[in-house]
C-alpha cells in the first residue's frame, strides 16, 4: 500500500539557533521510501545524517542571524506490514539470546522507568502466556485507564507521571507502553510517524514491541 506524506513547518528565529529535525520517512524491511523531496525557503545550509542504527535520518540546520523560514518535506512510501495472527503462541526469548542491538531496548530510560514498574507490570500482565497477549493486555490497560487530554503534559512528563496522574497524550501513552513492556523483558522502542487521516494532521507517537518469533508489533494506542 502506498502513502503520500507531507509536512510543512514555519519558524520565527530570534537569534543563532541549531535545529535537528526528524521528519524523513524511514526505510525498513516493511517500508520503502520510493520518492522524497525537501525544500527550505529561504535556502539555508543544512546536512542530513543517520543515527547509530544506520537508518533513521536527521537533518541539522544552523541559523546564524534572526530570520523567518519555512520548510516542506514530502514522500511517497510503500508499506507492507503483516497482520499478526492472534492465535500465534510464540514464547518469550531469554534475554541472553537477544541480539545486542535489540537488548538495548530493554533498559530503563529518562521517560520509561521500567525498573520502577516491574512489580505493577508483573502483577497486571505477567500471567499472560505469550508476548502477543502481554502486549495486547498492556495496550488495553492503557487505553482503558489513561485519559487522553491534549495539553495535559509537557516535555518533563515520564511514564511514572502518566501512570500516577492517569492522563496524557500520545507521547505519554507510548512511553508508558514501552516501560511496561520492558519491565516484562519485552524489548520496546518509541517512534513517531505520519498518522493516516489524523485530524488535525500532526506527527503521531507510537511504540514497537519486539518478539523474536514474529518481529515487530506496531502499537498505536489512541
C-alpha atoms as a PDB file:
ATOM      1  CA  UNK A   1       0.000   0.000   0.000  1.00  0.00           C
ATOM      2  CA  UNK A   2       1.391   3.402  -0.975  1.00  0.00           C
ATOM      3  CA  UNK A   3       1.023   6.590   1.035  1.00  0.00           C
ATOM      4  CA  UNK A   4       1.786  10.214   0.201  1.00  0.00           C
ATOM      5  CA  UNK A   5       3.033  12.036   3.292  1.00  0.00           C
ATOM      6  CA  UNK A   6       3.860  15.702   3.725  1.00  0.00           C
ATOM      7  CA  UNK A   7       4.836  18.096   6.479  1.00  0.00           C
ATOM      8  CA  UNK A   8       5.099  21.883   6.340  1.00  0.00           C
ATOM      9  CA  UNK A   9       6.814  23.800   9.141  1.00  0.00           C
ATOM     10  CA  UNK A  10       7.454  27.509   9.715  1.00  0.00           C
ATOM     11  CA  UNK A  11       9.708  29.192  12.266  1.00  0.00           C
ATOM     12  CA  UNK A  12      10.461  32.682  13.518  1.00  0.00           C
ATOM     13  CA  UNK A  13      14.069  32.633  14.793  1.00  0.00           C
ATOM     14  CA  UNK A  14      15.268  35.428  17.083  1.00  0.00           C
ATOM     15  CA  UNK A  15      18.963  34.533  17.254  1.00  0.00           C
ATOM     16  CA  UNK A  16      21.646  31.931  16.475  1.00  0.00           C
ATOM     17  CA  UNK A  17      19.981  28.509  16.677  1.00  0.00           C
ATOM     18  CA  UNK A  18      20.712  24.929  15.649  1.00  0.00           C
ATOM     19  CA  UNK A  19      17.722  22.765  14.690  1.00  0.00           C
ATOM     20  CA  UNK A  20      17.750  18.990  14.413  1.00  0.00           C
ATOM     21  CA  UNK A  21      14.713  17.671  12.540  1.00  0.00           C
ATOM     22  CA  UNK A  22      13.485  14.084  12.318  1.00  0.00           C
ATOM     23  CA  UNK A  23      10.883  14.336   9.564  1.00  0.00           C
ATOM     24  CA  UNK A  24      12.258  11.962   6.905  1.00  0.00           C
ATOM     25  CA  UNK A  25      10.340   8.724   6.359  1.00  0.00           C
ATOM     26  CA  UNK A  26      12.301   5.613   7.321  1.00  0.00           C
ATOM     27  CA  UNK A  27      13.416   2.761   5.089  1.00  0.00           C
ATOM     28  CA  UNK A  28      12.797  -0.597   6.787  1.00  0.00           C
ATOM     29  CA  UNK A  29      12.128  -4.204   5.832  1.00  0.00           C
ATOM     30  CA  UNK A  30       8.406  -3.386   5.651  1.00  0.00           C
ATOM     31  CA  UNK A  31       8.547   0.214   4.465  1.00  0.00           C
ATOM     32  CA  UNK A  32      10.273   1.630   1.378  1.00  0.00           C
ATOM     33  CA  UNK A  33      10.648   5.307   0.533  1.00  0.00           C
ATOM     34  CA  UNK A  34      10.038   5.484  -3.209  1.00  0.00           C
ATOM     35  CA  UNK A  35      10.415   9.217  -3.596  1.00  0.00           C
ATOM     36  CA  UNK A  36      11.079  12.182  -1.318  1.00  0.00           C
ATOM     37  CA  UNK A  37      11.594  15.921  -1.617  1.00  0.00           C
ATOM     38  CA  UNK A  38      12.742  18.618   0.803  1.00  0.00           C
ATOM     39  CA  UNK A  39      12.569  22.386   0.265  1.00  0.00           C
ATOM     40  CA  UNK A  40      13.697  25.168   2.610  1.00  0.00           C
ATOM     41  CA  UNK A  41      12.726  28.791   1.981  1.00  0.00           C
ATOM     42  CA  UNK A  42      14.889  30.808   2.004  1.00  0.00           C
ATOM     43  CA  UNK A  43      17.694  28.339   1.245  1.00  0.00           C
ATOM     44  CA  UNK A  44      19.727  27.546   4.381  1.00  0.00           C
ATOM     45  CA  UNK A  45      22.789  25.338   4.627  1.00  0.00           C
ATOM     46  CA  UNK A  46      21.958  22.003   6.215  1.00  0.00           C
ATOM     47  CA  UNK A  47      23.211  18.433   6.410  1.00  0.00           C
ATOM     48  CA  UNK A  48      21.388  15.113   6.645  1.00  0.00           C
ATOM     49  CA  UNK A  49      22.871  12.333   8.766  1.00  0.00           C
ATOM     50  CA  UNK A  50      21.801   8.930  10.061  1.00  0.00           C
ATOM     51  CA  UNK A  51      21.565   7.649  13.630  1.00  0.00           C
ATOM     52  CA  UNK A  52      23.632   4.767  15.018  1.00  0.00           C
ATOM     53  CA  UNK A  53      21.204   2.264  13.511  1.00  0.00           C
ATOM     54  CA  UNK A  54      22.177   3.486  10.055  1.00  0.00           C
ATOM     55  CA  UNK A  55      18.564   4.074   9.037  1.00  0.00           C
ATOM     56  CA  UNK A  56      16.955   6.920  11.000  1.00  0.00           C
ATOM     57  CA  UNK A  57      17.547  10.213   9.174  1.00  0.00           C
ATOM     58  CA  UNK A  58      18.089  13.531  10.900  1.00  0.00           C
ATOM     59  CA  UNK A  59      18.586  16.960   9.383  1.00  0.00           C
ATOM     60  CA  UNK A  60      20.751  19.594  11.069  1.00  0.00           C
ATOM     61  CA  UNK A  61      20.101  23.212  10.199  1.00  0.00           C
ATOM     62  CA  UNK A  62      22.191  26.083  11.580  1.00  0.00           C
ATOM     63  CA  UNK A  63      20.776  29.602  11.793  1.00  0.00           C
ATOM     64  CA  UNK A  64      23.280  32.425  12.300  1.00  0.00           C
ATOM     65  CA  UNK A  65      21.052  35.511  12.171  1.00  0.00           C
ATOM     66  CA  UNK A  66      17.424  36.266  13.153  1.00  0.00           C
ATOM     67  CA  UNK A  67      15.108  35.234  10.349  1.00  0.00           C
ATOM     68  CA  UNK A  68      11.855  33.580   9.338  1.00  0.00           C
ATOM     69  CA  UNK A  69      11.974  30.371   7.350  1.00  0.00           C
ATOM     70  CA  UNK A  70       9.702  27.567   6.237  1.00  0.00           C
ATOM     71  CA  UNK A  71      10.346  24.032   5.124  1.00  0.00           C
ATOM     72  CA  UNK A  72       8.371  21.335   3.371  1.00  0.00           C
ATOM     73  CA  UNK A  73       9.032  17.607   3.191  1.00  0.00           C
ATOM     74  CA  UNK A  74       7.082  15.135   1.093  1.00  0.00           C
ATOM     75  CA  UNK A  75       7.494  11.444   0.325  1.00  0.00           C
ATOM     76  CA  UNK A  76       5.827   8.512  -1.369  1.00  0.00           C
ATOM     77  CA  UNK A  77       6.122   5.451   0.861  1.00  0.00           C
ATOM     78  CA  UNK A  78       5.286   1.842   0.041  1.00  0.00           C
ATOM     79  CA  UNK A  79       4.293  -0.182   3.116  1.00  0.00           C
ATOM     80  CA  UNK A  80       3.834  -3.937   3.525  1.00  0.00           C
ATOM     81  CA  UNK A  81       3.151  -4.614   7.202  1.00  0.00           C
ATOM     82  CA  UNK A  82       1.970  -8.072   8.175  1.00  0.00           C
ATOM     83  CA  UNK A  83      -1.125  -8.568  10.327  1.00  0.00           C
ATOM     84  CA  UNK A  84      -0.284 -10.737  13.338  1.00  0.00           C
ATOM     85  CA  UNK A  85      -2.324 -13.886  13.936  1.00  0.00           C
ATOM     86  CA  UNK A  86      -3.962 -13.593  17.350  1.00  0.00           C
ATOM     87  CA  UNK A  87      -3.610 -17.329  17.851  1.00  0.00           C
ATOM     88  CA  UNK A  88       0.166 -17.266  17.487  1.00  0.00           C
ATOM     89  CA  UNK A  89       1.639 -18.837  20.630  1.00  0.00           C
ATOM     90  CA  UNK A  90       5.298 -17.895  20.478  1.00  0.00           C
ATOM     91  CA  UNK A  91       7.215 -17.806  23.733  1.00  0.00           C
ATOM     92  CA  UNK A  92       9.403 -15.061  25.121  1.00  0.00           C
ATOM     93  CA  UNK A  93      13.048 -15.490  24.164  1.00  0.00           C
ATOM     94  CA  UNK A  94      15.543 -15.447  27.016  1.00  0.00           C
ATOM     95  CA  UNK A  95      17.369 -12.169  27.490  1.00  0.00           C
ATOM     96  CA  UNK A  96      20.694 -13.965  26.992  1.00  0.00           C
ATOM     97  CA  UNK A  97      19.605 -14.882  23.445  1.00  0.00           C
ATOM     98  CA  UNK A  98      18.780 -11.346  22.384  1.00  0.00           C
ATOM     99  CA  UNK A  99      20.812  -9.576  19.745  1.00  0.00           C
ATOM    100  CA  UNK A 100      22.894  -6.803  21.346  1.00  0.00           C
ATOM    101  CA  UNK A 101      21.094  -4.150  19.298  1.00  0.00           C
ATOM    102  CA  UNK A 102      17.661  -5.358  20.425  1.00  0.00           C
ATOM    103  CA  UNK A 103      18.818  -5.776  24.024  1.00  0.00           C
ATOM    104  CA  UNK A 104      19.331  -2.010  24.203  1.00  0.00           C
ATOM    105  CA  UNK A 105      15.538  -1.616  24.122  1.00  0.00           C
ATOM    106  CA  UNK A 106      15.221  -3.388  27.486  1.00  0.00           C
ATOM    107  CA  UNK A 107      16.915  -0.721  29.578  1.00  0.00           C
ATOM    108  CA  UNK A 108      15.047   1.864  31.669  1.00  0.00           C
ATOM    109  CA  UNK A 109      15.366   5.437  30.426  1.00  0.00           C
ATOM    110  CA  UNK A 110      14.555   9.011  31.356  1.00  0.00           C
ATOM    111  CA  UNK A 111      10.950   8.729  30.180  1.00  0.00           C
ATOM    112  CA  UNK A 112      10.437   4.968  30.519  1.00  0.00           C
ATOM    113  CA  UNK A 113      11.400   3.929  34.069  1.00  0.00           C
ATOM    114  CA  UNK A 114      10.716   0.227  33.594  1.00  0.00           C
ATOM    115  CA  UNK A 115      12.777  -0.665  36.671  1.00  0.00           C
ATOM    116  CA  UNK A 116      10.224   1.182  38.844  1.00  0.00           C
ATOM    117  CA  UNK A 117       7.229  -0.507  37.230  1.00  0.00           C
ATOM    118  CA  UNK A 118       8.281  -4.164  37.428  1.00  0.00           C
ATOM    119  CA  UNK A 119       6.053  -5.082  40.379  1.00  0.00           C
ATOM    120  CA  UNK A 120       2.995  -3.472  38.795  1.00  0.00           C
ATOM    121  CA  UNK A 121       3.698  -4.920  35.358  1.00  0.00           C
ATOM    122  CA  UNK A 122       4.213  -8.491  36.571  1.00  0.00           C
ATOM    123  CA  UNK A 123       1.096  -8.314  38.737  1.00  0.00           C
ATOM    124  CA  UNK A 124      -1.121  -6.991  35.934  1.00  0.00           C
ATOM    125  CA  UNK A 125       0.346  -8.707  32.871  1.00  0.00           C
ATOM    126  CA  UNK A 126       2.829 -11.354  33.954  1.00  0.00           C
ATOM    127  CA  UNK A 127       0.285 -14.183  33.901  1.00  0.00           C
ATOM    128  CA  UNK A 128      -0.356 -13.908  30.149  1.00  0.00           C
ATOM    129  CA  UNK A 129       1.290 -16.748  28.252  1.00  0.00           C
ATOM    130  CA  UNK A 130       2.713 -15.116  25.130  1.00  0.00           C
ATOM    131  CA  UNK A 131       4.415 -11.878  24.157  1.00  0.00           C
ATOM    132  CA  UNK A 132       1.445 -11.023  21.954  1.00  0.00           C
ATOM    133  CA  UNK A 133      -1.019 -11.491  24.832  1.00  0.00           C
ATOM    134  CA  UNK A 134       1.128  -9.457  27.217  1.00  0.00           C
ATOM    135  CA  UNK A 135       1.492  -6.560  24.779  1.00  0.00           C
ATOM    136  CA  UNK A 136      -2.213  -6.628  23.920  1.00  0.00           C
ATOM    137  CA  UNK A 137      -3.132  -6.581  27.618  1.00  0.00           C
ATOM    138  CA  UNK A 138      -0.785  -3.640  28.221  1.00  0.00           C
ATOM    139  CA  UNK A 139      -2.296  -1.615  25.384  1.00  0.00           C
ATOM    140  CA  UNK A 140      -5.833  -2.365  26.520  1.00  0.00           C
ATOM    141  CA  UNK A 141      -4.998  -1.380  30.098  1.00  0.00           C
ATOM    142  CA  UNK A 142      -3.532   1.947  28.959  1.00  0.00           C
ATOM    143  CA  UNK A 143      -6.474   2.607  26.648  1.00  0.00           C
ATOM    144  CA  UNK A 144      -8.988   1.918  29.433  1.00  0.00           C
ATOM    145  CA  UNK A 145      -7.176   3.608  32.321  1.00  0.00           C
ATOM    146  CA  UNK A 146      -5.329   6.632  30.928  1.00  0.00           C
ATOM    147  CA  UNK A 147      -7.368   9.613  29.768  1.00  0.00           C
ATOM    148  CA  UNK A 148      -6.257  11.270  26.540  1.00  0.00           C
ATOM    149  CA  UNK A 149      -6.240  15.044  27.128  1.00  0.00           C
ATOM    150  CA  UNK A 150      -4.416  17.475  24.828  1.00  0.00           C
ATOM    151  CA  UNK A 151      -2.074  19.852  26.654  1.00  0.00           C
ATOM    152  CA  UNK A 152      -2.196  17.872  29.894  1.00  0.00           C
ATOM    153  CA  UNK A 153       1.541  17.042  29.946  1.00  0.00           C
ATOM    154  CA  UNK A 154       4.855  18.562  28.909  1.00  0.00           C
ATOM    155  CA  UNK A 155       8.412  17.622  27.963  1.00  0.00           C
ATOM    156  CA  UNK A 156       9.165  16.604  31.565  1.00  0.00           C
ATOM    157  CA  UNK A 157       6.369  14.022  31.843  1.00  0.00           C
ATOM    158  CA  UNK A 158       7.534  10.412  32.207  1.00  0.00           C
ATOM    159  CA  UNK A 159       5.835   7.007  32.349  1.00  0.00           C
ATOM    160  CA  UNK A 160       5.741   7.204  36.149  1.00  0.00           C
ATOM    161  CA  UNK A 161       3.923  10.549  35.963  1.00  0.00           C
ATOM    162  CA  UNK A 162       1.433   9.167  33.448  1.00  0.00           C
ATOM    163  CA  UNK A 163       0.552   6.055  35.437  1.00  0.00           C
ATOM    164  CA  UNK A 164       0.219   8.206  38.565  1.00  0.00           C
ATOM    165  CA  UNK A 165      -1.850  11.035  37.097  1.00  0.00           C
ATOM    166  CA  UNK A 166      -3.782   8.746  34.694  1.00  0.00           C
ATOM    167  CA  UNK A 167      -3.765  11.377  31.936  1.00  0.00           C
ATOM    168  CA  UNK A 168      -1.614  12.156  28.930  1.00  0.00           C
ATOM    169  CA  UNK A 169      -1.229  12.438  25.150  1.00  0.00           C
ATOM    170  CA  UNK A 170       0.092  10.011  22.520  1.00  0.00           C
ATOM    171  CA  UNK A 171       3.709  10.565  23.598  1.00  0.00           C
ATOM    172  CA  UNK A 172       2.851   9.644  27.187  1.00  0.00           C
ATOM    173  CA  UNK A 173       0.811   6.613  26.133  1.00  0.00           C
ATOM    174  CA  UNK A 174       3.799   5.363  24.139  1.00  0.00           C
ATOM    175  CA  UNK A 175       6.292   5.965  26.958  1.00  0.00           C
ATOM    176  CA  UNK A 176       4.100   4.066  29.399  1.00  0.00           C
ATOM    177  CA  UNK A 177       3.604   1.164  26.995  1.00  0.00           C
ATOM    178  CA  UNK A 178       7.357   0.912  26.461  1.00  0.00           C
ATOM    179  CA  UNK A 179       8.074   0.987  30.195  1.00  0.00           C
ATOM    180  CA  UNK A 180       5.536  -1.751  30.965  1.00  0.00           C
ATOM    181  CA  UNK A 181       6.853  -3.955  28.161  1.00  0.00           C
ATOM    182  CA  UNK A 182      10.472  -3.527  29.217  1.00  0.00           C
ATOM    183  CA  UNK A 183       9.514  -4.352  32.803  1.00  0.00           C
ATOM    184  CA  UNK A 184       8.424  -7.766  31.465  1.00  0.00           C
ATOM    185  CA  UNK A 185      11.681  -8.208  29.496  1.00  0.00           C
ATOM    186  CA  UNK A 186       9.926  -7.426  26.226  1.00  0.00           C
ATOM    187  CA  UNK A 187      12.110  -5.095  24.143  1.00  0.00           C
ATOM    188  CA  UNK A 188      10.187  -1.997  23.074  1.00  0.00           C
ATOM    189  CA  UNK A 189      11.037   1.300  21.432  1.00  0.00           C
ATOM    190  CA  UNK A 190       9.453   4.669  20.660  1.00  0.00           C
ATOM    191  CA  UNK A 191       8.802   6.105  17.225  1.00  0.00           C
ATOM    192  CA  UNK A 192       6.924   8.947  15.621  1.00  0.00           C
ATOM    193  CA  UNK A 193       5.168   8.823  12.292  1.00  0.00           C
ATOM    194  CA  UNK A 194       2.780  10.411   9.856  1.00  0.00           C
ATOM    195  CA  UNK A 195      -0.627   9.192  11.032  1.00  0.00           C
ATOM    196  CA  UNK A 196      -3.094   8.373   8.261  1.00  0.00           C
ATOM    197  CA  UNK A 197      -6.285  10.504   8.437  1.00  0.00           C
ATOM    198  CA  UNK A 198      -5.332  12.054  11.802  1.00  0.00           C
ATOM    199  CA  UNK A 199      -7.375  15.242  12.256  1.00  0.00           C
ATOM    200  CA  UNK A 200      -5.920  17.776  12.691  1.00  0.00           C
ATOM    201  CA  UNK A 201      -2.791  16.470  10.915  1.00  0.00           C
ATOM    202  CA  UNK A 202       0.247  16.068  13.146  1.00  0.00           C
ATOM    203  CA  UNK A 203       3.166  13.794  13.886  1.00  0.00           C
ATOM    204  CA  UNK A 204       1.963  10.887  15.999  1.00  0.00           C
ATOM    205  CA  UNK A 205       3.785   8.961  18.737  1.00  0.00           C
ATOM    206  CA  UNK A 206       3.577   5.149  18.867  1.00  0.00           C
ATOM    207  CA  UNK A 207       5.725   2.296  20.071  1.00  0.00           C
ATOM    208  CA  UNK A 208       7.022  -1.030  18.794  1.00  0.00           C
ATOM    209  CA  UNK A 209       7.259  -4.186  20.900  1.00  0.00           C
ATOM    210  CA  UNK A 210       9.714  -6.776  19.655  1.00  0.00           C
ATOM    211  CA  UNK A 211       9.049 -10.507  19.541  1.00  0.00           C
ATOM    212  CA  UNK A 212      11.855 -12.816  18.435  1.00  0.00           C
ATOM    213  CA  UNK A 213       9.419 -15.197  16.762  1.00  0.00           C
ATOM    214  CA  UNK A 214       7.362 -12.596  14.920  1.00  0.00           C
ATOM    215  CA  UNK A 215       9.411  -9.422  14.626  1.00  0.00           C
ATOM    216  CA  UNK A 216       7.817  -6.064  15.457  1.00  0.00           C
ATOM    217  CA  UNK A 217       4.373  -5.303  16.824  1.00  0.00           C
ATOM    218  CA  UNK A 218       3.455  -1.722  15.901  1.00  0.00           C
ATOM    219  CA  UNK A 219       1.275  -0.221  18.580  1.00  0.00           C
ATOM    220  CA  UNK A 220      -0.973   2.824  18.164  1.00  0.00           C
ATOM    221  CA  UNK A 221      -2.749   3.439  21.458  1.00  0.00           C
ATOM    222  CA  UNK A 222      -5.179   6.277  20.816  1.00  0.00           C
END
